[in-house]
Protein backbone atom coordinates (compact mmCIF):
# COMPACT_ATOMS: atom_id res chain seq x y z
CA MET A 1 63.59 40.55 -43.22
CA SER A 2 65.71 40.69 -39.92
CA ASP A 3 64.24 41.73 -36.45
CA THR A 4 65.21 45.13 -35.33
CA SER A 5 63.93 47.66 -32.80
CA ASN A 6 64.70 50.97 -34.82
CA ASP A 7 62.23 52.45 -37.45
CA THR A 8 63.20 52.29 -41.09
CA SER A 9 62.55 54.92 -43.77
CA GLY A 10 61.73 54.11 -47.37
CA ILE A 11 59.74 54.92 -50.33
CA LEU A 12 55.93 54.78 -49.48
CA PHE A 13 54.85 55.79 -53.24
CA ALA A 14 55.68 58.32 -55.91
CA ARG A 15 53.55 61.42 -56.85
CA GLN A 16 53.32 63.19 -60.16
CA PRO A 17 51.70 66.56 -60.22
CA ILE A 18 48.54 67.51 -62.46
CA TYR A 19 48.15 71.10 -63.51
CA ASP A 20 45.42 73.24 -64.71
CA ARG A 21 45.38 75.71 -67.72
CA GLN A 22 46.78 78.35 -65.68
CA LEU A 23 49.60 75.90 -64.45
CA ASN A 24 48.22 75.88 -61.01
CA LEU A 25 48.60 72.61 -59.02
CA ALA A 26 45.31 70.65 -59.52
CA GLY A 27 46.14 67.33 -57.82
CA TYR A 28 48.62 64.44 -57.78
CA GLU A 29 48.71 61.00 -59.17
CA LEU A 30 50.17 58.54 -56.69
CA LEU A 31 51.99 55.71 -58.21
CA PHE A 32 53.27 52.38 -56.66
CA ARG A 33 56.89 51.99 -55.96
CA PRO A 34 58.68 49.12 -54.20
CA TYR A 35 59.38 50.21 -50.66
CA GLY A 36 63.15 49.33 -50.89
CA GLY A 37 63.59 51.19 -54.15
CA GLY A 38 64.57 49.47 -57.23
CA PRO A 39 62.77 48.64 -60.48
CA ILE A 40 59.16 47.27 -60.71
CA VAL A 41 59.57 43.63 -62.01
CA ALA A 42 56.50 43.28 -64.51
CA ALA A 43 56.40 39.57 -64.19
CA ASP A 44 55.87 39.95 -60.25
CA PHE A 45 53.53 43.00 -60.58
CA ASP A 46 50.07 42.73 -58.94
CA GLY A 47 47.89 45.52 -59.63
CA ASN A 48 45.56 44.74 -56.80
CA ARG A 49 48.46 44.77 -54.26
CA ALA A 50 49.89 48.00 -55.84
CA THR A 51 46.50 49.83 -55.16
CA SER A 52 46.24 48.43 -51.72
CA GLN A 53 49.71 49.42 -50.93
CA VAL A 54 49.42 53.04 -52.32
CA LEU A 55 46.16 53.50 -50.46
CA ILE A 56 47.44 52.17 -47.09
CA ASN A 57 50.67 54.28 -47.49
CA ALA A 58 48.97 57.52 -48.43
CA PHE A 59 46.04 57.46 -45.91
CA THR A 60 47.70 55.69 -42.85
CA ALA A 61 51.57 56.02 -43.06
CA ALA A 62 51.42 59.72 -44.49
CA ASP A 63 49.55 62.62 -44.11
CA ILE A 64 47.56 62.69 -47.35
CA ASN A 65 46.77 66.52 -47.26
CA GLU A 66 50.32 67.42 -46.61
CA VAL A 67 51.49 65.06 -49.35
CA CYS A 68 49.01 66.45 -52.05
CA ASN A 69 49.12 70.03 -50.73
CA GLN A 70 45.56 69.98 -49.95
CA GLN A 71 44.91 68.85 -53.65
CA PRO A 72 42.98 65.63 -54.63
CA ALA A 73 45.07 62.32 -54.95
CA TYR A 74 44.39 60.25 -58.03
CA VAL A 75 44.93 56.51 -57.31
CA ASN A 76 44.79 53.55 -59.90
CA PHE A 77 42.03 51.10 -59.30
CA THR A 78 41.72 47.69 -60.98
CA SER A 79 38.42 45.71 -61.39
CA ASP A 80 38.86 43.96 -58.03
CA SER A 81 39.80 47.15 -56.31
CA LEU A 82 36.66 48.87 -57.40
CA ILE A 83 34.28 46.37 -56.09
CA GLN A 84 35.71 46.54 -52.43
CA ASP A 85 34.71 49.08 -49.81
CA ILE A 86 36.85 52.09 -50.14
CA PRO A 87 36.84 53.77 -46.65
CA PHE A 88 38.48 56.92 -47.75
CA ASP A 89 37.38 60.62 -47.99
CA SER A 90 35.62 61.19 -51.25
CA ARG A 91 36.70 64.86 -51.15
CA VAL A 92 40.43 63.75 -51.43
CA LEU A 93 40.53 60.61 -53.28
CA VAL A 94 40.02 60.49 -57.04
CA ILE A 95 39.26 57.05 -58.27
CA GLU A 96 41.29 56.39 -61.55
CA ILE A 97 39.74 53.50 -63.49
CA LEU A 98 42.49 51.49 -65.22
CA GLU A 99 42.21 50.95 -69.14
CA ASP A 100 41.87 47.35 -68.77
CA VAL A 101 38.60 47.47 -66.62
CA THR A 102 35.65 46.24 -68.56
CA ASP A 103 31.77 47.01 -68.04
CA THR A 104 30.95 43.81 -65.91
CA THR A 105 27.88 43.72 -63.85
CA ASP A 106 30.07 43.91 -60.83
CA VAL A 107 31.93 46.84 -62.17
CA ILE A 108 28.83 48.76 -63.07
CA ASP A 109 27.37 48.22 -59.76
CA ALA A 110 30.39 49.32 -57.99
CA LEU A 111 30.59 52.62 -60.02
CA THR A 112 27.03 53.23 -59.43
CA ARG A 113 27.63 52.88 -55.76
CA LEU A 114 30.67 54.97 -55.65
CA ARG A 115 29.02 57.73 -57.63
CA GLU A 116 26.05 57.66 -55.10
CA GLU A 117 28.89 57.98 -52.24
CA GLY A 118 30.21 61.12 -53.98
CA HIS A 119 33.48 59.73 -55.41
CA VAL A 120 35.05 61.44 -58.22
CA MET A 121 36.22 59.11 -60.91
CA ALA A 122 38.77 59.28 -63.97
CA LEU A 123 39.10 57.01 -66.78
CA ASP A 124 42.72 56.23 -67.67
CA ASP A 125 44.67 56.08 -70.81
CA TYR A 126 41.97 56.96 -72.99
CA ALA A 127 42.84 56.35 -76.62
CA LEU A 128 39.56 55.97 -78.49
CA SER A 129 38.76 58.21 -81.28
CA ASP A 130 35.06 58.76 -80.13
CA ALA A 131 32.89 58.90 -77.17
CA SER A 132 31.76 55.30 -77.20
CA HIS A 133 33.47 53.87 -73.96
CA PRO A 134 30.80 52.26 -71.97
CA LEU A 135 32.26 53.66 -68.64
CA LEU A 136 32.06 57.33 -69.59
CA PRO A 137 28.58 57.82 -68.03
CA PHE A 138 30.20 57.18 -64.68
CA VAL A 139 33.31 59.33 -64.71
CA ASP A 140 34.06 63.07 -64.17
CA ILE A 141 37.57 63.14 -65.80
CA VAL A 142 39.07 61.52 -68.92
CA LYS A 143 42.75 60.95 -69.06
CA LEU A 144 43.70 61.16 -72.76
CA ASP A 145 46.56 59.23 -73.75
CA TYR A 146 48.44 62.02 -75.67
CA PRO A 147 50.72 60.16 -77.74
CA ALA A 148 47.91 57.82 -79.16
CA TYR A 149 46.62 60.98 -81.03
CA THR A 150 47.72 63.28 -83.86
CA SER A 151 46.91 67.05 -83.59
CA ASP A 152 43.72 66.31 -85.73
CA THR A 153 42.53 63.29 -84.01
CA LEU A 154 43.04 64.88 -80.58
CA VAL A 155 40.80 67.73 -81.46
CA SER A 156 37.94 65.58 -82.95
CA THR A 157 38.08 63.29 -79.93
CA ILE A 158 37.64 66.01 -77.58
CA MET A 159 34.85 67.64 -79.61
CA ALA A 160 33.09 64.16 -79.63
CA LEU A 161 33.58 63.79 -75.79
CA LYS A 162 32.37 67.43 -74.90
CA ALA A 163 29.49 67.00 -77.20
CA ARG A 164 28.13 64.00 -75.68
CA TYR A 165 29.25 64.57 -72.00
CA PRO A 166 29.51 68.28 -71.67
CA GLY A 167 30.46 68.22 -67.97
CA LEU A 168 33.71 66.01 -68.52
CA ARG A 169 37.02 67.37 -67.62
CA LEU A 170 39.78 66.43 -69.92
CA LEU A 171 43.25 65.63 -68.72
CA ALA A 172 46.03 65.19 -71.14
CA GLU A 173 48.69 62.86 -69.88
CA LYS A 174 52.10 61.91 -71.05
CA ILE A 175 52.89 65.65 -72.18
CA GLU A 176 56.73 65.35 -72.57
CA THR A 177 57.50 68.57 -74.58
CA GLN A 178 56.44 72.39 -74.71
CA GLU A 179 54.83 71.44 -78.04
CA ASP A 180 52.82 68.63 -76.76
CA TYR A 181 51.55 71.11 -74.07
CA ARG A 182 50.82 73.69 -76.52
CA ILE A 183 48.79 71.17 -78.75
CA ALA A 184 46.75 69.89 -76.02
CA MET A 185 45.99 73.36 -74.56
CA GLU A 186 44.90 74.60 -77.91
CA ALA A 187 42.92 71.45 -78.40
CA GLY A 188 40.65 72.18 -75.33
CA CYS A 189 42.06 70.13 -72.53
CA HIS A 190 41.46 71.15 -68.89
CA LEU A 191 44.38 69.44 -67.04
CA PHE A 192 47.84 68.34 -67.89
CA GLN A 193 50.42 65.79 -66.57
CA GLY A 194 53.63 64.51 -67.99
CA TYR A 195 57.37 64.76 -67.79
CA PHE A 196 57.54 68.24 -69.36
CA LEU A 197 55.74 69.62 -66.40
CA ALA A 198 57.24 67.28 -63.64
CA ARG A 199 58.55 63.79 -63.24
CA PRO A 200 57.28 61.57 -60.54
CA GLU A 201 59.15 61.92 -57.36
CA PRO A 202 59.20 59.39 -54.45
CA VAL A 203 57.44 60.17 -51.06
CA ARG A 204 59.51 58.54 -48.29
CA GLY A 205 58.14 57.72 -44.86
CA ARG A 206 58.68 55.50 -41.91
CA VAL A 207 57.04 52.00 -41.48
CA MET A 208 57.31 49.67 -38.43
CA PRO A 209 60.16 47.17 -39.14
CA ILE A 210 58.84 43.61 -38.18
CA ASN A 211 60.06 42.08 -34.90
CA ARG A 212 58.24 38.77 -35.19
CA LEU A 213 57.87 37.92 -31.79
CA ASN A 214 56.04 41.26 -30.82
CA THR A 215 53.93 41.00 -34.09
CA LEU A 216 52.76 37.57 -32.77
CA LYS A 217 51.96 39.01 -29.41
CA LEU A 218 50.13 41.86 -30.82
CA LEU A 219 47.98 39.72 -33.04
CA ALA A 220 47.09 37.40 -30.07
CA GLU A 221 46.07 40.35 -28.05
CA LEU A 222 44.03 41.91 -30.79
CA ASN A 223 42.15 38.75 -31.21
CA ALA A 224 41.53 37.47 -27.69
CA PRO A 225 37.98 36.37 -27.83
CA ASP A 226 36.80 38.27 -24.80
CA ILE A 227 38.48 41.59 -25.61
CA SER A 228 36.44 44.62 -24.80
CA MET A 229 36.36 47.93 -26.73
CA ARG A 230 38.36 49.39 -23.82
CA ASN A 231 41.05 46.71 -23.97
CA MET A 232 40.92 46.84 -27.67
CA ALA A 233 41.95 50.64 -27.69
CA GLU A 234 44.50 50.18 -25.01
CA THR A 235 46.11 47.30 -27.04
CA VAL A 236 46.21 49.41 -30.25
CA GLN A 237 47.49 52.57 -28.23
CA ARG A 238 50.64 50.58 -27.07
CA ASP A 239 51.77 50.48 -30.77
CA PRO A 240 52.27 53.82 -32.09
CA PHE A 241 52.16 53.00 -35.75
CA LEU A 242 48.99 51.00 -35.51
CA SER A 243 47.41 53.81 -33.35
CA VAL A 244 48.32 56.55 -35.92
CA ARG A 245 47.18 54.43 -38.90
CA LEU A 246 43.74 53.34 -37.41
CA LEU A 247 42.99 56.99 -36.31
CA ARG A 248 43.70 58.17 -39.90
CA MET A 249 41.54 55.23 -41.33
CA ALA A 250 38.67 56.10 -38.94
CA ASN A 251 38.84 59.71 -39.89
CA SER A 252 39.07 58.87 -43.51
CA ALA A 253 35.90 56.54 -43.12
CA PHE A 254 33.96 59.03 -41.30
CA ALA A 255 35.31 62.25 -43.16
CA GLN A 256 31.83 63.72 -43.64
CA GLN A 257 31.17 63.92 -39.83
CA SER A 258 31.30 67.56 -38.47
CA ARG A 259 33.59 66.35 -35.61
CA PRO A 260 36.84 64.30 -36.30
CA VAL A 261 37.78 61.03 -34.48
CA THR A 262 40.32 62.16 -32.10
CA SER A 263 40.88 59.10 -29.73
CA LEU A 264 41.61 55.44 -30.27
CA HIS A 265 38.52 54.69 -28.09
CA GLY A 266 36.50 56.84 -30.48
CA ALA A 267 38.06 54.87 -33.45
CA VAL A 268 36.91 51.86 -31.83
CA MET A 269 33.51 53.00 -31.40
CA ALA A 270 33.28 54.45 -34.78
CA LEU A 271 34.23 51.49 -36.65
CA GLY A 272 33.08 48.81 -34.29
CA LEU A 273 35.00 46.01 -32.39
CA SER A 274 34.62 43.46 -35.16
CA ARG A 275 35.84 45.93 -38.11
CA ILE A 276 38.64 47.27 -35.83
CA ARG A 277 40.00 43.79 -35.10
CA SER A 278 39.99 42.97 -38.77
CA LEU A 279 41.65 46.06 -39.93
CA ALA A 280 44.20 46.00 -37.07
CA SER A 281 45.11 42.47 -38.16
CA LEU A 282 45.55 43.52 -41.62
CA LEU A 283 47.66 46.31 -40.80
CA VAL A 284 49.78 44.10 -38.53
CA LEU A 285 50.22 41.56 -41.43
CA SER A 286 51.02 44.22 -43.86
CA ARG A 287 54.43 44.49 -42.07
CA PHE A 288 55.61 41.17 -43.44
CA GLU A 289 56.99 42.98 -46.53
CA ASP A 290 58.92 39.87 -47.51
CA LYS A 291 55.65 37.87 -47.86
CA PRO A 292 53.41 37.70 -50.99
CA HIS A 293 50.13 39.52 -50.81
CA ALA A 294 48.30 36.64 -51.79
CA LEU A 295 49.10 35.08 -48.30
CA GLN A 296 47.83 38.07 -46.37
CA ASN A 297 44.67 37.80 -48.44
CA LEU A 298 44.34 34.20 -47.76
CA ALA A 299 44.79 34.74 -44.04
CA MET A 300 42.12 37.51 -43.98
CA MET A 301 39.65 35.31 -45.87
CA LEU A 302 39.97 32.23 -43.77
CA GLY A 303 39.52 34.41 -40.89
CA HIS A 304 36.30 35.90 -42.10
CA PHE A 305 35.11 32.33 -43.57
CA CYS A 306 35.70 30.84 -40.03
CA HIS A 307 34.11 33.68 -38.25
CA GLN A 308 30.75 33.21 -40.55
CA LEU A 309 30.79 29.45 -39.72
CA THR A 310 31.23 29.81 -36.03
CA GLN A 311 28.13 32.22 -35.85
CA HIS A 312 26.30 28.95 -35.33
CA LEU A 313 28.30 27.96 -32.40
CA PRO A 314 27.13 28.71 -28.73
CA GLY A 315 28.92 30.86 -26.22
CA GLN A 316 32.59 32.29 -26.66
CA ALA A 317 33.17 29.94 -29.55
CA SER A 318 31.55 32.36 -32.01
CA GLU A 319 34.14 34.89 -31.24
CA MET A 320 37.13 32.65 -31.96
CA GLY A 321 36.47 31.88 -35.64
CA PHE A 322 38.31 34.84 -36.95
CA THR A 323 41.27 34.06 -34.81
CA VAL A 324 41.61 30.58 -35.67
CA GLY A 325 41.18 30.90 -39.42
CA LEU A 326 43.67 34.02 -39.35
CA PHE A 327 46.25 32.24 -37.20
CA SER A 328 46.06 29.22 -39.53
CA CYS A 329 48.50 30.88 -41.76
CA LEU A 330 50.88 32.14 -39.02
CA ASP A 331 53.43 29.15 -39.91
CA SER A 332 53.75 30.41 -43.42
CA PHE A 333 54.32 34.12 -42.17
CA MET A 334 56.91 33.23 -39.61
CA ASP A 335 58.47 30.42 -41.51
CA GLN A 336 58.19 28.35 -38.29
CA PRO A 337 56.18 25.06 -37.33
CA MET A 338 52.95 25.93 -35.64
CA GLU A 339 53.88 24.12 -32.38
CA GLU A 340 56.94 26.54 -32.06
CA ILE A 341 54.62 29.63 -32.79
CA LEU A 342 52.06 28.63 -30.22
CA ALA A 343 54.61 28.22 -27.56
CA GLN A 344 55.32 31.85 -27.84
CA ILE A 345 52.08 33.26 -27.56
CA PRO A 346 48.94 32.76 -25.26
CA VAL A 347 45.94 31.38 -27.00
CA HIS A 348 42.73 29.79 -25.88
CA PRO A 349 42.94 26.08 -25.40
CA ASP A 350 40.09 25.56 -27.98
CA ILE A 351 42.09 27.64 -30.65
CA GLU A 352 45.32 25.77 -29.92
CA ALA A 353 43.56 22.36 -30.41
CA ALA A 354 42.01 23.53 -33.58
CA LEU A 355 45.26 24.80 -34.94
CA MET A 356 47.50 21.84 -33.97
CA HIS A 357 45.02 18.86 -34.28
CA ARG A 358 41.80 20.26 -36.03
CA ALA A 359 40.24 18.95 -32.90
CA GLY A 360 36.76 20.06 -31.55
CA ALA A 361 34.13 22.29 -33.38
CA LEU A 362 36.63 24.95 -34.14
CA GLY A 363 38.88 22.18 -35.56
CA LEU A 364 36.21 20.97 -37.86
CA ILE A 365 35.47 24.61 -38.99
CA LEU A 366 38.83 25.40 -39.86
CA GLN A 367 39.33 22.12 -41.79
CA THR A 368 36.21 22.91 -43.58
CA ALA A 369 37.47 26.31 -44.54
CA THR A 370 40.78 25.11 -45.80
CA ASP A 371 39.23 22.24 -47.78
CA TYR A 372 36.54 24.42 -49.27
CA GLN A 373 39.07 27.13 -50.30
CA LYS A 374 40.92 24.42 -52.17
CA ALA A 375 37.72 22.88 -53.59
CA TYR A 376 38.27 19.59 -51.88
CA TRP A 377 34.70 18.93 -51.64
CA ASP A 378 35.06 15.05 -51.06
CA ARG A 379 37.20 15.69 -47.95
CA ILE A 380 34.67 17.82 -46.25
CA ASP A 381 32.95 16.08 -43.18
CA TRP A 382 29.24 17.15 -44.08
CA PRO A 383 27.71 14.96 -41.30
CA GLY A 384 29.75 16.76 -38.76
CA LEU A 385 28.91 20.05 -40.00
CA ALA A 386 25.13 19.10 -40.10
CA SER A 387 25.60 18.21 -36.33
CA LEU A 388 26.74 21.88 -35.81
CA GLY A 389 23.51 22.98 -37.70
CA LEU A 390 25.57 23.98 -40.90
CA SER A 391 24.09 22.99 -44.40
CA PRO A 392 26.20 22.98 -47.72
CA GLU A 393 24.30 26.09 -48.62
CA GLN A 394 25.42 27.89 -45.58
CA VAL A 395 28.84 26.91 -45.92
CA ALA A 396 28.78 28.18 -49.51
CA SER A 397 27.16 31.53 -48.38
CA ALA A 398 29.65 31.91 -45.76
CA TYR A 399 32.58 31.42 -48.29
CA GLN A 400 31.08 34.27 -50.63
CA GLN A 401 30.72 36.50 -47.84
CA ALA A 402 34.13 35.91 -46.74
CA LEU A 403 35.67 36.43 -49.99
CA ALA A 404 33.64 39.79 -50.42
CA ARG A 405 34.84 40.98 -46.95
CA ALA A 406 38.67 40.02 -47.48
CA ASN A 407 38.57 41.77 -50.98
CA ARG A 408 37.00 44.98 -49.46
CA GLU A 409 39.83 45.24 -46.89
CA GLN A 410 42.68 44.80 -49.38
């Protein structure tokens, strides 16, 4: 993607209306679409990335209430997406559980937590003929895959679901003709979605095109080890797109408060310096549209991994861990040697020594993080780590915490 100073407009996602029995608008399903348009290539499709992209675009690049006309937004969630933190308003977001999600311990724990947090959940593409699905106790809405049923089996399935879960709302999806709509209506469905009622329509918006040098400088400022809350707010404020997105994210995360977050300083105070730093870095990295989502996830994971490990180091070094892990992937983002990248931005000498030569305590921690992530156990300098007060058990725990943190932020 070439550098440019002008904003660009593209497809943020698509939306398809959902209607009630009186044909009043009852919500929208938000669907992933490539930003530049064109078809979705099945071989390259990543469900986790699709969920992440739709959520980021819907809640930070767009005004979700305006897009959905004050109605709920249904968004597909994979198993991995469900177990992450979901910092969005439960009054707006309907979590749509994809049909391939199974009742693992992690998923059940996540659904239990989400219900306690007040989230409305829907079960997607339901095609069973009874009420035996293991996730039914956790959901409020079942989206019936209408083409999977005959008129008779649709009625019997609805009767079984209502008998066992009287409070369920039943949504007939893939309604393509007036006859489909009539049958689903008479069978007792509450909500309806499909081409007969409305096709998905693209929602367009603007994202900040990437100027690689400016992006590098912004990342460096956000990750300065001695940055204060005030300086963080001022740094974010100089980037209009980042400002708007973080304010929207803060308001979504704290939507239950009686007073909205109206300033960047308020957002920093509400989310905390550490979380603002990682979320801002994530949003900046998301501008690299030409890079795989896995690279963004790796950079965030290494940042959190190194941050966990440097908590054992004294002084300023404990604040440099996230930066050194995050920046270790910059050569892949920028398609430049690390030496050329560091010549363009100011970084602490200890960070530069770690990135260039794996020197010092930060260098040892960065090398440990990259080797551990690749399962190169025999390359890890365990005696050196012991001299820093780090045991194998502490490294393993830090890795698990970093994975969980990075997954929650995707």
